[in-house]
Amino acid sequence: MAELDIPIPPTLKGAVAKRKGEYRAGRTCAQEALAGLSDDRTLFEKEGIDWPVIGSDRAPIWPAGVTGTLTHTDICVLCVVGFSAQFSGIGVDLEIPARVQAAKGVAETIGHPEEYAKIAATPWQDIGGTLLFSAKEAMFKAIYPTVQRFVGFEEVRLRSVSGSVLTFDIQPQLCADLPDVASLTVSATRWQDQVLTFCARPIQKHDATATSR
């Protein structure tokens, strides 16, 4: 990964080679995504910053006017970006099923028995734990720009699974941070022997009006 010629930030100088490689791959992918977002190549260069940068919480900080999300496994890295005038948040997540399924005790941490019961009657039943974990991770990334805090798995509850679409209800402990949101949807697919999930929060018309005042 050193051949990508991406400098390692001070916060990762002591990291193992694998973590540095993940950073370089993620940064390269993100820069390609940003370049594809606009034909104006100077749009994200005029601030003189090599985007995205790492925040104090280790989450990527994107240029003004942009929201984005990164995910990676040992196999690949994915990045999705969009304009913040159109999306308040975007979340993407990739998981290797065996890794999540094999983790001891993780099922009870990720979801409630009622959630697993809903998945059991679907084609996802063999990797229900991975699906639930990945879907919630994608959701949490999509709402992080708004809530600005760690969100627990129990703060959303799976309502239904319809093909590739999962609908989650916001639980009371999250309502204060998302007062105008009752539910969120996540799209899921099996891709290259992995679980890929995606969640986007489009800006509603009343949100855009309020922001412009």
N, C-alpha and C. Protein backbone atom coordinates (compact mmCIF):
# COMPACT_ATOMS: atom_id res chain seq x y z
N MET A 1 0.81 -1.21 0.00
CA MET A 1 0.00 0.00 0.00
C MET A 1 0.85 1.28 0.00
N ALA A 2 2.14 1.17 0.35
CA ALA A 2 3.00 2.34 0.37
C ALA A 2 3.10 2.98 -1.01
N GLU A 3 2.94 2.15 -2.07
CA GLU A 3 3.03 2.68 -3.42
C GLU A 3 1.89 3.63 -3.77
N LEU A 4 0.87 3.72 -2.95
CA LEU A 4 -0.21 4.65 -3.20
C LEU A 4 0.22 6.09 -2.92
N ASP A 5 1.37 6.24 -2.28
CA ASP A 5 1.95 7.56 -2.01
C ASP A 5 1.00 8.45 -1.22
N ILE A 6 0.34 7.85 -0.24
CA ILE A 6 -0.54 8.60 0.66
C ILE A 6 0.17 8.75 2.00
N PRO A 7 0.45 9.98 2.44
CA PRO A 7 1.14 10.16 3.72
C PRO A 7 0.30 9.70 4.90
N ILE A 8 0.96 9.13 5.88
CA ILE A 8 0.27 8.68 7.10
C ILE A 8 0.20 9.83 8.10
N PRO A 9 -0.99 10.12 8.65
CA PRO A 9 -1.13 11.21 9.62
C PRO A 9 -0.44 10.85 10.94
N PRO A 10 -0.08 11.85 11.74
CA PRO A 10 0.61 11.62 13.01
C PRO A 10 -0.12 10.64 13.92
N THR A 11 -1.44 10.66 13.92
CA THR A 11 -2.21 9.79 14.81
C THR A 11 -2.06 8.31 14.46
N LEU A 12 -1.57 8.02 13.25
CA LEU A 12 -1.42 6.63 12.84
C LEU A 12 0.04 6.22 12.66
N LYS A 13 0.97 7.07 13.06
CA LYS A 13 2.38 6.76 12.88
C LYS A 13 2.78 5.47 13.59
N GLY A 14 2.18 5.19 14.75
CA GLY A 14 2.52 3.99 15.50
C GLY A 14 1.65 2.80 15.19
N ALA A 15 0.75 2.94 14.22
CA ALA A 15 -0.17 1.85 13.87
C ALA A 15 0.56 0.72 13.14
N VAL A 16 -0.04 -0.47 13.18
CA VAL A 16 0.55 -1.61 12.49
C VAL A 16 0.39 -1.41 10.99
N ALA A 17 1.17 -2.18 10.22
CA ALA A 17 1.18 -2.03 8.76
C ALA A 17 -0.21 -2.22 8.16
N LYS A 18 -0.99 -3.15 8.71
CA LYS A 18 -2.34 -3.41 8.18
C LYS A 18 -3.21 -2.18 8.31
N ARG A 19 -3.16 -1.52 9.45
CA ARG A 19 -4.00 -0.31 9.66
C ARG A 19 -3.55 0.82 8.73
N LYS A 20 -2.25 0.96 8.54
CA LYS A 20 -1.75 1.99 7.63
C LYS A 20 -2.19 1.70 6.20
N GLY A 21 -2.18 0.42 5.84
CA GLY A 21 -2.62 0.03 4.50
C GLY A 21 -4.09 0.33 4.30
N GLU A 22 -4.89 0.07 5.33
CA GLU A 22 -6.32 0.36 5.24
C GLU A 22 -6.54 1.86 5.08
N TYR A 23 -5.75 2.65 5.80
CA TYR A 23 -5.89 4.10 5.70
C TYR A 23 -5.56 4.58 4.29
N ARG A 24 -4.45 4.10 3.75
CA ARG A 24 -4.04 4.54 2.41
C ARG A 24 -5.07 4.13 1.36
N ALA A 25 -5.57 2.90 1.48
CA ALA A 25 -6.58 2.43 0.51
C ALA A 25 -7.86 3.25 0.63
N GLY A 26 -8.27 3.52 1.87
CA GLY A 26 -9.48 4.30 2.09
C GLY A 26 -9.35 5.72 1.58
N ARG A 27 -8.20 6.34 1.84
CA ARG A 27 -7.97 7.72 1.38
C ARG A 27 -7.95 7.78 -0.15
N THR A 28 -7.31 6.82 -0.78
CA THR A 28 -7.26 6.79 -2.24
C THR A 28 -8.66 6.65 -2.83
N CYS A 29 -9.46 5.74 -2.25
CA CYS A 29 -10.82 5.52 -2.69
C CYS A 29 -11.66 6.79 -2.50
N ALA A 30 -11.48 7.45 -1.36
CA ALA A 30 -12.24 8.66 -1.07
C ALA A 30 -11.90 9.78 -2.03
N GLN A 31 -10.62 9.92 -2.36
CA GLN A 31 -10.21 10.97 -3.28
C GLN A 31 -10.80 10.74 -4.67
N GLU A 32 -10.86 9.47 -5.08
CA GLU A 32 -11.47 9.14 -6.38
C GLU A 32 -12.96 9.47 -6.36
N ALA A 33 -13.61 9.18 -5.23
CA ALA A 33 -15.04 9.46 -5.12
C ALA A 33 -15.30 10.97 -5.17
N LEU A 34 -14.48 11.74 -4.47
CA LEU A 34 -14.64 13.19 -4.48
C LEU A 34 -14.40 13.75 -5.88
N ALA A 35 -13.42 13.20 -6.59
CA ALA A 35 -13.13 13.67 -7.95
C ALA A 35 -14.31 13.40 -8.88
N GLY A 36 -15.03 12.31 -8.61
CA GLY A 36 -16.17 11.96 -9.45
C GLY A 36 -17.44 12.69 -9.08
N LEU A 37 -17.41 13.41 -7.95
CA LEU A 37 -18.60 14.10 -7.49
C LEU A 37 -18.87 15.37 -8.28
N SER A 38 -17.81 15.99 -8.81
CA SER A 38 -17.97 17.23 -9.55
C SER A 38 -16.93 17.33 -10.65
N ASP A 39 -17.32 17.96 -11.75
CA ASP A 39 -16.38 18.20 -12.84
C ASP A 39 -15.39 19.31 -12.50
N ASP A 40 -15.74 20.08 -11.48
CA ASP A 40 -14.87 21.17 -11.05
C ASP A 40 -13.78 20.62 -10.14
N ARG A 41 -12.61 20.39 -10.68
CA ARG A 41 -11.52 19.77 -9.93
C ARG A 41 -11.02 20.65 -8.79
N THR A 42 -11.29 21.95 -8.84
CA THR A 42 -10.79 22.84 -7.80
C THR A 42 -11.78 22.97 -6.63
N LEU A 43 -12.95 22.34 -6.76
CA LEU A 43 -13.99 22.50 -5.75
C LEU A 43 -13.52 22.09 -4.37
N PHE A 44 -12.74 21.00 -4.29
CA PHE A 44 -12.29 20.49 -3.00
C PHE A 44 -10.80 20.75 -2.76
N GLU A 45 -10.19 21.52 -3.66
CA GLU A 45 -8.77 21.81 -3.50
C GLU A 45 -8.53 23.23 -2.98
N LYS A 46 -9.54 24.10 -3.16
CA LYS A 46 -9.33 25.50 -2.86
C LYS A 46 -9.08 25.77 -1.37
N GLU A 47 -9.47 24.82 -0.50
CA GLU A 47 -9.23 25.02 0.93
C GLU A 47 -7.83 24.59 1.33
N GLY A 48 -7.06 24.04 0.40
CA GLY A 48 -5.68 23.67 0.67
C GLY A 48 -5.52 22.50 1.61
N ILE A 49 -6.54 21.63 1.67
CA ILE A 49 -6.50 20.48 2.57
C ILE A 49 -6.62 19.19 1.75
N ASP A 50 -5.85 18.20 2.15
CA ASP A 50 -5.90 16.90 1.47
C ASP A 50 -7.04 16.09 2.07
N TRP A 51 -8.23 16.19 1.48
CA TRP A 51 -9.42 15.55 2.03
C TRP A 51 -9.46 14.05 1.72
N PRO A 52 -10.19 13.28 2.57
CA PRO A 52 -10.73 13.69 3.88
C PRO A 52 -9.65 13.62 4.96
N VAL A 53 -9.84 14.35 6.03
CA VAL A 53 -8.90 14.29 7.15
C VAL A 53 -9.53 13.50 8.29
N ILE A 54 -8.73 13.05 9.24
CA ILE A 54 -9.23 12.27 10.37
C ILE A 54 -9.58 13.19 11.52
N GLY A 55 -10.80 13.05 12.05
CA GLY A 55 -11.22 13.84 13.19
C GLY A 55 -10.74 13.24 14.50
N SER A 56 -11.00 13.93 15.59
CA SER A 56 -10.56 13.44 16.91
C SER A 56 -11.22 12.12 17.28
N ASP A 57 -12.38 11.84 16.67
CA ASP A 57 -13.09 10.59 16.93
C ASP A 57 -12.73 9.51 15.92
N ARG A 58 -11.69 9.78 15.10
CA ARG A 58 -11.21 8.87 14.05
C ARG A 58 -12.15 8.78 12.85
N ALA A 59 -13.24 9.53 12.86
CA ALA A 59 -14.15 9.53 11.71
C ALA A 59 -13.62 10.52 10.67
N PRO A 60 -13.83 10.24 9.38
CA PRO A 60 -13.35 11.16 8.34
C PRO A 60 -14.11 12.47 8.35
N ILE A 61 -13.38 13.56 8.13
CA ILE A 61 -13.98 14.88 7.99
C ILE A 61 -13.92 15.25 6.52
N TRP A 62 -15.07 15.59 5.95
CA TRP A 62 -15.17 15.85 4.52
C TRP A 62 -15.15 17.35 4.25
N PRO A 63 -14.92 17.74 2.99
CA PRO A 63 -14.93 19.17 2.66
C PRO A 63 -16.29 19.80 2.94
N ALA A 64 -16.31 21.11 3.10
CA ALA A 64 -17.57 21.82 3.29
C ALA A 64 -18.49 21.53 2.10
N GLY A 65 -19.74 21.22 2.42
CA GLY A 65 -20.70 20.94 1.36
C GLY A 65 -20.77 19.50 0.93
N VAL A 66 -19.99 18.65 1.61
CA VAL A 66 -19.94 17.23 1.24
C VAL A 66 -20.20 16.35 2.45
N THR A 67 -20.92 15.27 2.25
CA THR A 67 -21.04 14.24 3.28
C THR A 67 -20.60 12.93 2.64
N GLY A 68 -19.98 12.07 3.43
CA GLY A 68 -19.46 10.83 2.85
C GLY A 68 -19.35 9.72 3.86
N THR A 69 -18.98 8.56 3.38
CA THR A 69 -18.86 7.39 4.23
C THR A 69 -17.85 6.41 3.63
N LEU A 70 -17.13 5.73 4.49
CA LEU A 70 -16.11 4.75 4.09
C LEU A 70 -16.34 3.44 4.81
N THR A 71 -15.99 2.35 4.16
CA THR A 71 -16.01 1.05 4.81
C THR A 71 -14.97 0.16 4.16
N HIS A 72 -14.46 -0.80 4.89
CA HIS A 72 -13.47 -1.71 4.30
C HIS A 72 -13.49 -3.06 5.02
N THR A 73 -13.06 -4.06 4.30
CA THR A 73 -12.76 -5.38 4.86
C THR A 73 -11.37 -5.73 4.37
N ASP A 74 -10.93 -6.96 4.61
CA ASP A 74 -9.64 -7.40 4.11
C ASP A 74 -9.63 -7.51 2.59
N ILE A 75 -10.83 -7.51 1.99
CA ILE A 75 -10.95 -7.73 0.56
C ILE A 75 -10.96 -6.44 -0.23
N CYS A 76 -11.67 -5.43 0.26
CA CYS A 76 -11.79 -4.20 -0.53
C CYS A 76 -12.19 -3.01 0.33
N VAL A 77 -12.19 -1.84 -0.29
CA VAL A 77 -12.60 -0.59 0.35
C VAL A 77 -13.67 0.06 -0.52
N LEU A 78 -14.69 0.62 0.11
CA LEU A 78 -15.74 1.33 -0.60
C LEU A 78 -15.92 2.72 0.00
N CYS A 79 -16.23 3.68 -0.86
CA CYS A 79 -16.52 5.04 -0.41
C CYS A 79 -17.70 5.58 -1.20
N VAL A 80 -18.61 6.25 -0.51
CA VAL A 80 -19.75 6.91 -1.15
C VAL A 80 -19.78 8.35 -0.65
N VAL A 81 -19.91 9.30 -1.55
CA VAL A 81 -19.99 10.71 -1.17
C VAL A 81 -21.18 11.36 -1.86
N GLY A 82 -21.65 12.45 -1.29
CA GLY A 82 -22.75 13.21 -1.88
C GLY A 82 -22.70 14.63 -1.35
N PHE A 83 -23.50 15.49 -1.94
CA PHE A 83 -23.54 16.88 -1.48
C PHE A 83 -24.44 16.99 -0.25
N SER A 84 -23.97 17.70 0.76
CA SER A 84 -24.73 17.83 2.01
C SER A 84 -26.00 18.65 1.82
N ALA A 85 -26.13 19.35 0.71
CA ALA A 85 -27.39 20.04 0.42
C ALA A 85 -28.46 19.04 0.02
N GLN A 86 -28.04 17.83 -0.34
CA GLN A 86 -28.97 16.79 -0.75
C GLN A 86 -29.13 15.70 0.30
N PHE A 87 -28.06 15.46 1.08
CA PHE A 87 -28.09 14.39 2.09
C PHE A 87 -27.55 14.90 3.42
N SER A 88 -28.28 14.62 4.49
CA SER A 88 -27.79 14.98 5.82
C SER A 88 -26.79 13.94 6.31
N GLY A 89 -26.83 12.76 5.71
CA GLY A 89 -25.88 11.72 6.09
C GLY A 89 -25.99 10.52 5.17
N ILE A 90 -24.86 9.83 4.99
CA ILE A 90 -24.78 8.63 4.16
C ILE A 90 -23.99 7.58 4.93
N GLY A 91 -24.43 6.34 4.87
CA GLY A 91 -23.71 5.27 5.55
C GLY A 91 -23.60 4.03 4.69
N VAL A 92 -22.41 3.47 4.59
CA VAL A 92 -22.20 2.22 3.87
C VAL A 92 -21.37 1.29 4.76
N ASP A 93 -21.65 0.00 4.69
CA ASP A 93 -20.91 -0.96 5.51
C ASP A 93 -20.73 -2.28 4.77
N LEU A 94 -19.55 -2.85 4.92
CA LEU A 94 -19.22 -4.16 4.36
C LEU A 94 -18.81 -5.09 5.49
N GLU A 95 -19.32 -6.31 5.49
CA GLU A 95 -18.94 -7.28 6.51
C GLU A 95 -18.74 -8.65 5.88
N ILE A 96 -17.74 -9.36 6.38
CA ILE A 96 -17.53 -10.75 5.99
C ILE A 96 -18.34 -11.61 6.95
N PRO A 97 -19.33 -12.34 6.48
CA PRO A 97 -20.25 -13.08 7.36
C PRO A 97 -19.58 -13.93 8.42
N ALA A 98 -18.60 -14.71 8.06
CA ALA A 98 -17.98 -15.63 9.01
C ALA A 98 -17.40 -14.92 10.22
N ARG A 99 -16.87 -13.73 10.00
CA ARG A 99 -16.21 -12.99 11.08
C ARG A 99 -17.22 -12.59 12.16
N VAL A 100 -18.36 -12.09 11.75
CA VAL A 100 -19.37 -11.65 12.71
C VAL A 100 -20.08 -12.85 13.33
N GLN A 101 -20.40 -13.85 12.51
CA GLN A 101 -21.14 -15.00 13.00
C GLN A 101 -20.34 -15.78 14.05
N ALA A 102 -19.00 -15.78 13.91
CA ALA A 102 -18.17 -16.57 14.81
C ALA A 102 -17.88 -15.89 16.14
N ALA A 103 -18.15 -14.59 16.22
CA ALA A 103 -17.86 -13.86 17.45
C ALA A 103 -18.79 -14.32 18.57
N LYS A 104 -18.20 -14.77 19.67
CA LYS A 104 -18.99 -15.31 20.77
C LYS A 104 -19.80 -14.21 21.46
N GLY A 105 -21.08 -14.48 21.68
CA GLY A 105 -21.92 -13.56 22.41
C GLY A 105 -22.31 -12.30 21.66
N VAL A 106 -21.87 -12.18 20.41
CA VAL A 106 -22.13 -10.94 19.69
C VAL A 106 -23.60 -10.81 19.29
N ALA A 107 -24.28 -11.93 19.05
CA ALA A 107 -25.67 -11.89 18.61
C ALA A 107 -26.55 -11.14 19.60
N GLU A 108 -26.40 -11.43 20.90
CA GLU A 108 -27.22 -10.79 21.92
C GLU A 108 -26.92 -9.30 22.03
N THR A 109 -25.68 -8.92 21.71
CA THR A 109 -25.29 -7.51 21.78
C THR A 109 -25.87 -6.72 20.61
N ILE A 110 -25.90 -7.35 19.44
CA ILE A 110 -26.34 -6.67 18.22
C ILE A 110 -27.84 -6.47 18.16
N GLY A 111 -28.59 -7.52 18.51
CA GLY A 111 -30.02 -7.43 18.30
C GLY A 111 -30.88 -8.10 19.35
N HIS A 112 -32.15 -7.78 19.30
CA HIS A 112 -33.16 -8.33 20.19
C HIS A 112 -33.71 -9.62 19.56
N PRO A 113 -34.17 -10.59 20.37
CA PRO A 113 -34.75 -11.82 19.81
C PRO A 113 -35.83 -11.57 18.77
N GLU A 114 -36.62 -10.52 18.96
CA GLU A 114 -37.68 -10.21 17.99
C GLU A 114 -37.10 -9.85 16.63
N GLU A 115 -35.93 -9.22 16.63
CA GLU A 115 -35.30 -8.85 15.37
C GLU A 115 -34.83 -10.09 14.63
N TYR A 116 -34.23 -11.02 15.36
CA TYR A 116 -33.76 -12.26 14.72
C TYR A 116 -34.94 -13.10 14.23
N ALA A 117 -36.05 -13.03 14.93
CA ALA A 117 -37.24 -13.78 14.51
C ALA A 117 -37.74 -13.27 13.16
N LYS A 118 -37.65 -11.96 12.94
CA LYS A 118 -38.08 -11.39 11.67
C LYS A 118 -37.15 -11.81 10.52
N ILE A 119 -35.87 -11.94 10.82
CA ILE A 119 -34.90 -12.33 9.79
C ILE A 119 -35.00 -13.82 9.49
N ALA A 120 -35.40 -14.60 10.49
CA ALA A 120 -35.43 -16.06 10.34
C ALA A 120 -36.36 -16.53 9.22
N ALA A 121 -37.34 -15.73 8.89
CA ALA A 121 -38.30 -16.12 7.86
C ALA A 121 -37.91 -15.58 6.48
N THR A 122 -36.65 -15.15 6.32
CA THR A 122 -36.20 -14.56 5.07
C THR A 122 -34.98 -15.31 4.54
N PRO A 123 -34.58 -15.04 3.29
CA PRO A 123 -33.37 -15.66 2.73
C PRO A 123 -32.09 -15.27 3.44
N TRP A 124 -32.19 -14.31 4.38
CA TRP A 124 -31.01 -13.87 5.13
C TRP A 124 -30.77 -14.69 6.39
N GLN A 125 -31.59 -15.67 6.65
CA GLN A 125 -31.55 -16.36 7.93
C GLN A 125 -30.19 -16.99 8.25
N ASP A 126 -29.44 -17.40 7.24
CA ASP A 126 -28.15 -18.06 7.50
C ASP A 126 -27.08 -17.08 7.98
N ILE A 127 -27.27 -15.79 7.71
CA ILE A 127 -26.30 -14.78 8.14
C ILE A 127 -27.02 -13.62 8.82
N GLY A 128 -28.03 -13.95 9.62
CA GLY A 128 -28.83 -12.93 10.28
C GLY A 128 -28.03 -11.98 11.15
N GLY A 129 -27.08 -12.51 11.89
CA GLY A 129 -26.27 -11.67 12.77
C GLY A 129 -25.44 -10.67 11.99
N THR A 130 -24.86 -11.13 10.88
CA THR A 130 -24.05 -10.25 10.05
C THR A 130 -24.91 -9.17 9.42
N LEU A 131 -26.07 -9.56 8.92
CA LEU A 131 -26.98 -8.60 8.29
C LEU A 131 -27.38 -7.51 9.28
N LEU A 132 -27.77 -7.92 10.47
CA LEU A 132 -28.22 -6.96 11.48
C LEU A 132 -27.09 -6.02 11.89
N PHE A 133 -25.92 -6.59 12.09
CA PHE A 133 -24.75 -5.80 12.47
C PHE A 133 -24.43 -4.76 11.39
N SER A 134 -24.35 -5.22 10.15
CA SER A 134 -23.98 -4.34 9.04
C SER A 134 -25.02 -3.26 8.81
N ALA A 135 -26.29 -3.63 8.86
CA ALA A 135 -27.36 -2.65 8.64
C ALA A 135 -27.33 -1.55 9.69
N LYS A 136 -27.11 -1.93 10.94
CA LYS A 136 -27.07 -0.94 12.00
C LYS A 136 -25.82 -0.06 11.89
N GLU A 137 -24.71 -0.65 11.46
CA GLU A 137 -23.50 0.14 11.26
C GLU A 137 -23.72 1.19 10.18
N ALA A 138 -24.35 0.79 9.07
CA ALA A 138 -24.63 1.73 7.99
C ALA A 138 -25.54 2.85 8.47
N MET A 139 -26.55 2.50 9.27
CA MET A 139 -27.47 3.50 9.82
C MET A 139 -26.74 4.47 10.73
N PHE A 140 -25.89 3.93 11.60
CA PHE A 140 -25.19 4.78 12.56
C PHE A 140 -24.27 5.77 11.85
N LYS A 141 -23.65 5.33 10.76
CA LYS A 141 -22.81 6.25 9.99
C LYS A 141 -23.65 7.35 9.35
N ALA A 142 -24.86 6.98 8.91
CA ALA A 142 -25.72 7.95 8.24
C ALA A 142 -26.27 9.00 9.20
N ILE A 143 -26.44 8.64 10.47
CA ILE A 143 -27.00 9.60 11.43
C ILE A 143 -25.92 10.30 12.26
N TYR A 144 -24.68 9.83 12.18
CA TYR A 144 -23.62 10.42 13.00
C TYR A 144 -23.45 11.92 12.78
N PRO A 145 -23.48 12.42 11.54
CA PRO A 145 -23.33 13.87 11.36
C PRO A 145 -24.39 14.67 12.10
N THR A 146 -25.53 14.06 12.38
CA THR A 146 -26.61 14.73 13.11
C THR A 146 -26.48 14.55 14.62
N VAL A 147 -26.28 13.31 15.07
CA VAL A 147 -26.29 13.05 16.52
C VAL A 147 -24.94 13.31 17.17
N GLN A 148 -23.85 13.15 16.41
CA GLN A 148 -22.49 13.42 16.91
C GLN A 148 -22.17 12.64 18.19
N ARG A 149 -22.59 11.39 18.26
CA ARG A 149 -22.27 10.55 19.41
C ARG A 149 -22.35 9.08 19.04
N PHE A 150 -21.79 8.24 19.89
CA PHE A 150 -21.90 6.80 19.71
C PHE A 150 -23.35 6.38 19.93
N VAL A 151 -23.86 5.54 19.05
CA VAL A 151 -25.24 5.05 19.16
C VAL A 151 -25.20 3.55 19.40
N GLY A 152 -25.91 3.09 20.42
CA GLY A 152 -25.92 1.67 20.76
C GLY A 152 -26.85 0.88 19.85
N PHE A 153 -26.55 -0.41 19.69
CA PHE A 153 -27.36 -1.27 18.84
C PHE A 153 -28.82 -1.31 19.28
N GLU A 154 -29.05 -1.13 20.57
CA GLU A 154 -30.41 -1.22 21.10
C GLU A 154 -31.24 0.03 20.83
N GLU A 155 -30.63 1.07 20.27
CA GLU A 155 -31.34 2.32 20.05
C GLU A 155 -32.16 2.34 18.76
N VAL A 156 -32.05 1.27 17.98
CA VAL A 156 -32.92 1.08 16.82
C VAL A 156 -33.42 -0.36 16.86
N ARG A 157 -34.61 -0.60 16.34
CA ARG A 157 -35.21 -1.93 16.39
C ARG A 157 -35.76 -2.30 15.01
N LEU A 158 -35.37 -3.45 14.51
CA LEU A 158 -35.84 -3.91 13.20
C LEU A 158 -37.34 -4.11 13.23
N ARG A 159 -38.03 -3.44 12.29
CA ARG A 159 -39.47 -3.59 12.18
C ARG A 159 -39.84 -4.64 11.13
N SER A 160 -39.13 -4.59 9.98
CA SER A 160 -39.48 -5.52 8.91
C SER A 160 -38.32 -5.73 7.95
N VAL A 161 -38.40 -6.86 7.23
CA VAL A 161 -37.45 -7.17 6.17
C VAL A 161 -38.27 -7.49 4.94
N SER A 162 -38.08 -6.71 3.88
CA SER A 162 -38.82 -6.93 2.64
C SER A 162 -37.81 -7.02 1.50
N GLY A 163 -37.43 -8.25 1.15
CA GLY A 163 -36.42 -8.44 0.12
C GLY A 163 -35.08 -7.89 0.56
N SER A 164 -34.64 -6.84 -0.10
CA SER A 164 -33.34 -6.24 0.21
C SER A 164 -33.46 -5.00 1.09
N VAL A 165 -34.68 -4.68 1.54
CA VAL A 165 -34.90 -3.47 2.33
C VAL A 165 -35.26 -3.81 3.77
N LEU A 166 -34.51 -3.22 4.70
CA LEU A 166 -34.77 -3.39 6.13
C LEU A 166 -35.25 -2.07 6.69
N THR A 167 -36.33 -2.11 7.47
CA THR A 167 -36.86 -0.91 8.09
C THR A 167 -36.68 -1.00 9.60
N PHE A 168 -36.14 0.05 10.18
CA PHE A 168 -35.86 0.09 11.62
C PHE A 168 -36.64 1.23 12.27
N ASP A 169 -37.17 0.97 13.45
CA ASP A 169 -37.85 2.00 14.23
C ASP A 169 -36.85 2.62 15.20
N ILE A 170 -36.92 3.95 15.34
CA ILE A 170 -36.09 4.66 16.29
C ILE A 170 -36.65 4.43 17.69
N GLN A 171 -35.79 4.03 18.62
CA GLN A 171 -36.22 3.78 19.98
C GLN A 171 -36.15 5.06 20.82
N PRO A 172 -36.87 5.08 21.97
CA PRO A 172 -36.97 6.30 22.78
C PRO A 172 -35.63 6.96 23.11
N GLN A 173 -34.59 6.17 23.39
CA GLN A 173 -33.32 6.77 23.79
C GLN A 173 -32.64 7.55 22.67
N LEU A 174 -33.09 7.34 21.42
CA LEU A 174 -32.51 8.06 20.29
C LEU A 174 -33.41 9.19 19.79
N CYS A 175 -34.64 9.19 20.24
CA CYS A 175 -35.62 10.17 19.76
C CYS A 175 -35.20 11.61 20.02
N ALA A 176 -34.55 11.85 21.14
CA ALA A 176 -34.15 13.22 21.47
C ALA A 176 -33.15 13.77 20.46
N ASP A 177 -32.31 12.90 19.92
CA ASP A 177 -31.31 13.32 18.95
C ASP A 177 -31.86 13.36 17.53
N LEU A 178 -32.94 12.59 17.28
CA LEU A 178 -33.57 12.57 15.96
C LEU A 178 -35.07 12.80 16.13
N PRO A 179 -35.48 13.98 16.59
CA PRO A 179 -36.88 14.22 16.92
C PRO A 179 -37.86 14.10 15.76
N ASP A 180 -37.39 14.31 14.55
CA ASP A 180 -38.29 14.28 13.39
C ASP A 180 -38.20 12.97 12.61
N VAL A 181 -37.50 11.99 13.18
CA VAL A 181 -37.29 10.71 12.48
C VAL A 181 -37.94 9.58 13.27
N ALA A 182 -38.87 8.88 12.66
CA ALA A 182 -39.54 7.76 13.33
C ALA A 182 -38.92 6.43 12.92
N SER A 183 -38.40 6.38 11.70
CA SER A 183 -37.83 5.13 11.20
C SER A 183 -36.77 5.42 10.15
N LEU A 184 -35.93 4.41 9.89
CA LEU A 184 -34.89 4.50 8.87
C LEU A 184 -34.89 3.22 8.06
N THR A 185 -34.54 3.32 6.79
CA THR A 185 -34.46 2.13 5.95
C THR A 185 -33.03 1.91 5.49
N VAL A 186 -32.69 0.64 5.32
CA VAL A 186 -31.36 0.24 4.87
C VAL A 186 -31.52 -0.75 3.72
N SER A 187 -30.72 -0.57 2.68
CA SER A 187 -30.70 -1.51 1.57
C SER A 187 -29.54 -2.49 1.77
N ALA A 188 -29.78 -3.76 1.48
CA ALA A 188 -28.75 -4.78 1.70
C ALA A 188 -28.63 -5.71 0.50
N THR A 189 -27.42 -6.22 0.30
CA THR A 189 -27.20 -7.19 -0.76
C THR A 189 -26.00 -8.06 -0.40
N ARG A 190 -25.93 -9.23 -1.01
CA ARG A 190 -24.74 -10.08 -0.89
C ARG A 190 -23.84 -9.73 -2.07
N TRP A 191 -22.62 -9.35 -1.78
CA TRP A 191 -21.70 -8.89 -2.82
C TRP A 191 -20.31 -9.45 -2.56
N GLN A 192 -19.81 -10.23 -3.50
CA GLN A 192 -18.49 -10.84 -3.39
C GLN A 192 -18.31 -11.56 -2.05
N ASP A 193 -19.28 -12.39 -1.71
CA ASP A 193 -19.26 -13.18 -0.47
C ASP A 193 -19.24 -12.31 0.78
N GLN A 194 -19.70 -11.09 0.66
CA GLN A 194 -19.79 -10.19 1.79
C GLN A 194 -21.21 -9.63 1.87
N VAL A 195 -21.52 -9.03 3.01
CA VAL A 195 -22.80 -8.34 3.18
C VAL A 195 -22.53 -6.85 3.01
N LEU A 196 -23.24 -6.24 2.07
CA LEU A 196 -23.10 -4.81 1.79
C LEU A 196 -24.41 -4.12 2.13
N THR A 197 -24.33 -3.10 2.97
CA THR A 197 -25.53 -2.36 3.36
C THR A 197 -25.33 -0.87 3.12
N PHE A 198 -26.46 -0.18 2.88
CA PHE A 198 -26.39 1.25 2.56
C PHE A 198 -27.59 1.98 3.14
N CYS A 199 -27.32 3.15 3.72
CA CYS A 199 -28.38 3.97 4.28
C CYS A 199 -28.11 5.43 3.91
N ALA A 200 -29.11 6.11 3.38
CA ALA A 200 -28.97 7.52 3.03
C ALA A 200 -30.12 8.31 3.64
N ARG A 201 -29.83 9.52 4.07
CA ARG A 201 -30.84 10.39 4.64
C ARG A 201 -30.97 11.65 3.79
N PRO A 202 -31.87 11.63 2.80
CA PRO A 202 -32.05 12.80 1.94
C PRO A 202 -32.57 13.99 2.75
N ILE A 203 -32.13 15.18 2.34
CA ILE A 203 -32.64 16.40 2.97
C ILE A 203 -34.09 16.60 2.53
N GLN A 204 -34.97 16.76 3.48
CA GLN A 204 -36.37 17.02 3.16
C GLN A 204 -36.55 18.50 2.80
N LYS A 205 -37.61 18.82 2.07
CA LYS A 205 -37.82 20.19 1.62
C LYS A 205 -37.87 21.17 2.80
N HIS A 206 -38.56 20.76 3.89
CA HIS A 206 -38.66 21.68 5.02
C HIS A 206 -37.32 21.86 5.70
N ASP A 207 -36.43 20.80 5.63
CA ASP A 207 -35.09 20.94 6.19
C ASP A 207 -34.28 21.95 5.40
N ALA A 208 -34.38 21.87 4.06
CA ALA A 208 -33.61 22.77 3.20
C ALA A 208 -34.07 24.22 3.41
N THR A 209 -35.37 24.42 3.61
CA THR A 209 -35.89 25.76 3.83
C THR A 209 -35.38 26.33 5.13
N ALA A 210 -35.39 25.48 6.17
CA ALA A 210 -34.93 25.93 7.47
C ALA A 210 -33.46 26.28 7.45
N THR A 211 -32.67 25.52 6.70
CA THR A 211 -31.23 25.73 6.64
C THR A 211 -30.90 27.04 5.93
N SER A 212 -31.71 27.43 4.97
CA SER A 212 -31.39 28.62 4.17
C SER A 212 -31.73 29.93 4.86
N ARG A 213 -32.43 29.87 5.97
CA ARG A 213 -32.84 31.10 6.64
C ARG A 213 -31.68 31.70 7.42
